[in-house]
N, C-alpha and C. Protein backbone atom coordinates (compact mmCIF):
# COMPACT_ATOMS: atom_id res chain seq x y z
N MET A 1 -2.92 13.57 -7.86
CA MET A 1 -3.41 12.96 -6.64
C MET A 1 -2.21 12.57 -5.78
N VAL A 2 -2.30 12.87 -4.51
CA VAL A 2 -1.22 12.56 -3.58
C VAL A 2 -1.75 11.62 -2.51
N LEU A 3 -1.03 10.54 -2.27
CA LEU A 3 -1.37 9.63 -1.18
C LEU A 3 -0.42 9.87 -0.02
N ARG A 4 -0.97 9.93 1.17
CA ARG A 4 -0.17 10.18 2.36
C ARG A 4 0.16 8.86 3.04
N SER A 5 1.26 8.84 3.75
CA SER A 5 1.69 7.66 4.49
C SER A 5 0.63 7.28 5.53
N GLY A 6 0.33 6.00 5.62
CA GLY A 6 -0.66 5.50 6.58
C GLY A 6 -2.03 5.24 5.98
N ILE A 7 -2.19 5.47 4.68
CA ILE A 7 -3.48 5.27 4.03
C ILE A 7 -3.77 3.77 3.89
N ILE A 8 -5.04 3.41 3.98
CA ILE A 8 -5.45 2.01 3.81
C ILE A 8 -6.19 1.90 2.49
N ILE A 9 -5.73 0.98 1.64
CA ILE A 9 -6.28 0.82 0.30
C ILE A 9 -6.66 -0.64 0.08
N PRO A 10 -7.87 -0.91 -0.47
CA PRO A 10 -8.23 -2.29 -0.80
C PRO A 10 -7.56 -2.73 -2.11
N PHE A 11 -7.03 -3.94 -2.11
CA PHE A 11 -6.41 -4.52 -3.31
C PHE A 11 -6.96 -5.91 -3.53
N GLN A 12 -7.04 -6.31 -4.80
CA GLN A 12 -7.42 -7.67 -5.15
C GLN A 12 -6.41 -8.21 -6.14
N PHE A 13 -5.93 -9.43 -5.87
CA PHE A 13 -5.04 -10.12 -6.78
C PHE A 13 -5.61 -11.51 -6.98
N ARG A 14 -6.08 -11.78 -8.19
CA ARG A 14 -6.83 -13.00 -8.50
C ARG A 14 -8.02 -13.10 -7.55
N ASP A 15 -8.12 -14.15 -6.74
CA ASP A 15 -9.27 -14.31 -5.84
C ASP A 15 -9.00 -13.84 -4.42
N THR A 16 -7.86 -13.24 -4.18
CA THR A 16 -7.49 -12.80 -2.84
C THR A 16 -7.69 -11.30 -2.71
N LYS A 17 -8.46 -10.92 -1.68
CA LYS A 17 -8.70 -9.50 -1.41
C LYS A 17 -8.07 -9.16 -0.07
N LYS A 18 -7.41 -8.00 0.00
CA LYS A 18 -6.77 -7.57 1.24
C LYS A 18 -6.88 -6.05 1.37
N LEU A 19 -6.92 -5.60 2.63
CA LEU A 19 -6.79 -4.18 2.92
C LEU A 19 -5.34 -3.94 3.31
N LEU A 20 -4.67 -3.06 2.62
CA LEU A 20 -3.25 -2.82 2.87
C LEU A 20 -3.02 -1.41 3.39
N MET A 21 -2.24 -1.32 4.47
CA MET A 21 -1.82 -0.01 4.95
C MET A 21 -0.46 0.28 4.33
N ILE A 22 -0.37 1.39 3.65
CA ILE A 22 0.86 1.76 2.97
C ILE A 22 1.59 2.81 3.81
N GLY A 23 2.79 2.49 4.24
CA GLY A 23 3.59 3.44 5.01
C GLY A 23 3.25 3.45 6.49
N ASP A 24 3.98 4.24 7.23
CA ASP A 24 3.82 4.38 8.67
C ASP A 24 2.91 5.58 8.94
N PRO A 25 1.81 5.39 9.70
CA PRO A 25 0.89 6.51 9.95
C PRO A 25 1.54 7.69 10.67
N GLU A 26 2.60 7.45 11.40
CA GLU A 26 3.25 8.54 12.14
C GLU A 26 4.21 9.34 11.26
N GLU A 27 4.58 8.79 10.10
CA GLU A 27 5.39 9.55 9.15
C GLU A 27 4.46 10.48 8.39
N ASN A 28 4.84 11.70 8.25
CA ASN A 28 4.01 12.66 7.52
C ASN A 28 4.68 12.94 6.18
N ARG A 29 4.52 11.99 5.24
CA ARG A 29 5.17 12.15 3.94
C ARG A 29 4.26 11.64 2.84
N ASN A 30 4.55 12.05 1.63
CA ASN A 30 3.83 11.56 0.46
C ASN A 30 4.40 10.21 0.06
N LEU A 31 3.53 9.36 -0.48
CA LEU A 31 3.97 8.05 -0.97
C LEU A 31 4.31 8.15 -2.45
N ASN A 32 5.15 7.26 -2.90
CA ASN A 32 5.44 7.20 -4.33
C ASN A 32 5.06 5.80 -4.85
N ILE A 33 5.18 5.60 -6.13
CA ILE A 33 4.76 4.34 -6.75
C ILE A 33 5.58 3.16 -6.24
N TRP A 34 6.83 3.39 -5.85
CA TRP A 34 7.67 2.31 -5.36
C TRP A 34 7.19 1.82 -4.00
N ASP A 35 6.69 2.72 -3.15
CA ASP A 35 6.12 2.32 -1.86
C ASP A 35 4.94 1.38 -2.09
N LEU A 36 4.05 1.77 -2.99
CA LEU A 36 2.88 0.95 -3.29
C LEU A 36 3.29 -0.41 -3.85
N LYS A 37 4.20 -0.40 -4.80
CA LYS A 37 4.65 -1.64 -5.44
C LYS A 37 5.23 -2.61 -4.42
N ASN A 38 6.09 -2.12 -3.56
CA ASN A 38 6.74 -2.99 -2.58
C ASN A 38 5.76 -3.60 -1.60
N VAL A 39 4.80 -2.82 -1.13
CA VAL A 39 3.82 -3.34 -0.17
C VAL A 39 2.91 -4.37 -0.83
N VAL A 40 2.44 -4.09 -2.03
CA VAL A 40 1.55 -5.03 -2.73
C VAL A 40 2.29 -6.33 -3.05
N ARG A 41 3.51 -6.24 -3.52
CA ARG A 41 4.28 -7.45 -3.83
C ARG A 41 4.52 -8.29 -2.58
N ALA A 42 4.83 -7.66 -1.47
CA ALA A 42 5.08 -8.39 -0.23
C ALA A 42 3.79 -9.02 0.30
N ALA A 43 2.69 -8.31 0.21
CA ALA A 43 1.42 -8.82 0.75
C ALA A 43 0.91 -10.03 -0.03
N PHE A 44 1.10 -10.04 -1.34
CA PHE A 44 0.59 -11.12 -2.16
C PHE A 44 1.65 -12.13 -2.56
N GLY A 45 2.87 -11.95 -2.11
CA GLY A 45 3.94 -12.90 -2.40
C GLY A 45 4.31 -12.97 -3.87
N ILE A 46 4.33 -11.85 -4.52
CA ILE A 46 4.64 -11.81 -5.96
C ILE A 46 6.13 -11.62 -6.14
C-alpha cells in the first residue's frame, strides 16, 4: 500500500480524535513511516 502526499487520515490518541493531513498536497511523492510518525507526534504532543 502506498500513501501519497496530501492524504487526510483520521487518528485517535486516548480520547482525542483528529483528522491529519500528511505531507504537502502539491508535492507528488510517496510517504514513508517517518512522515506519518512525525506528523502524529507533533499533532498530539507526544
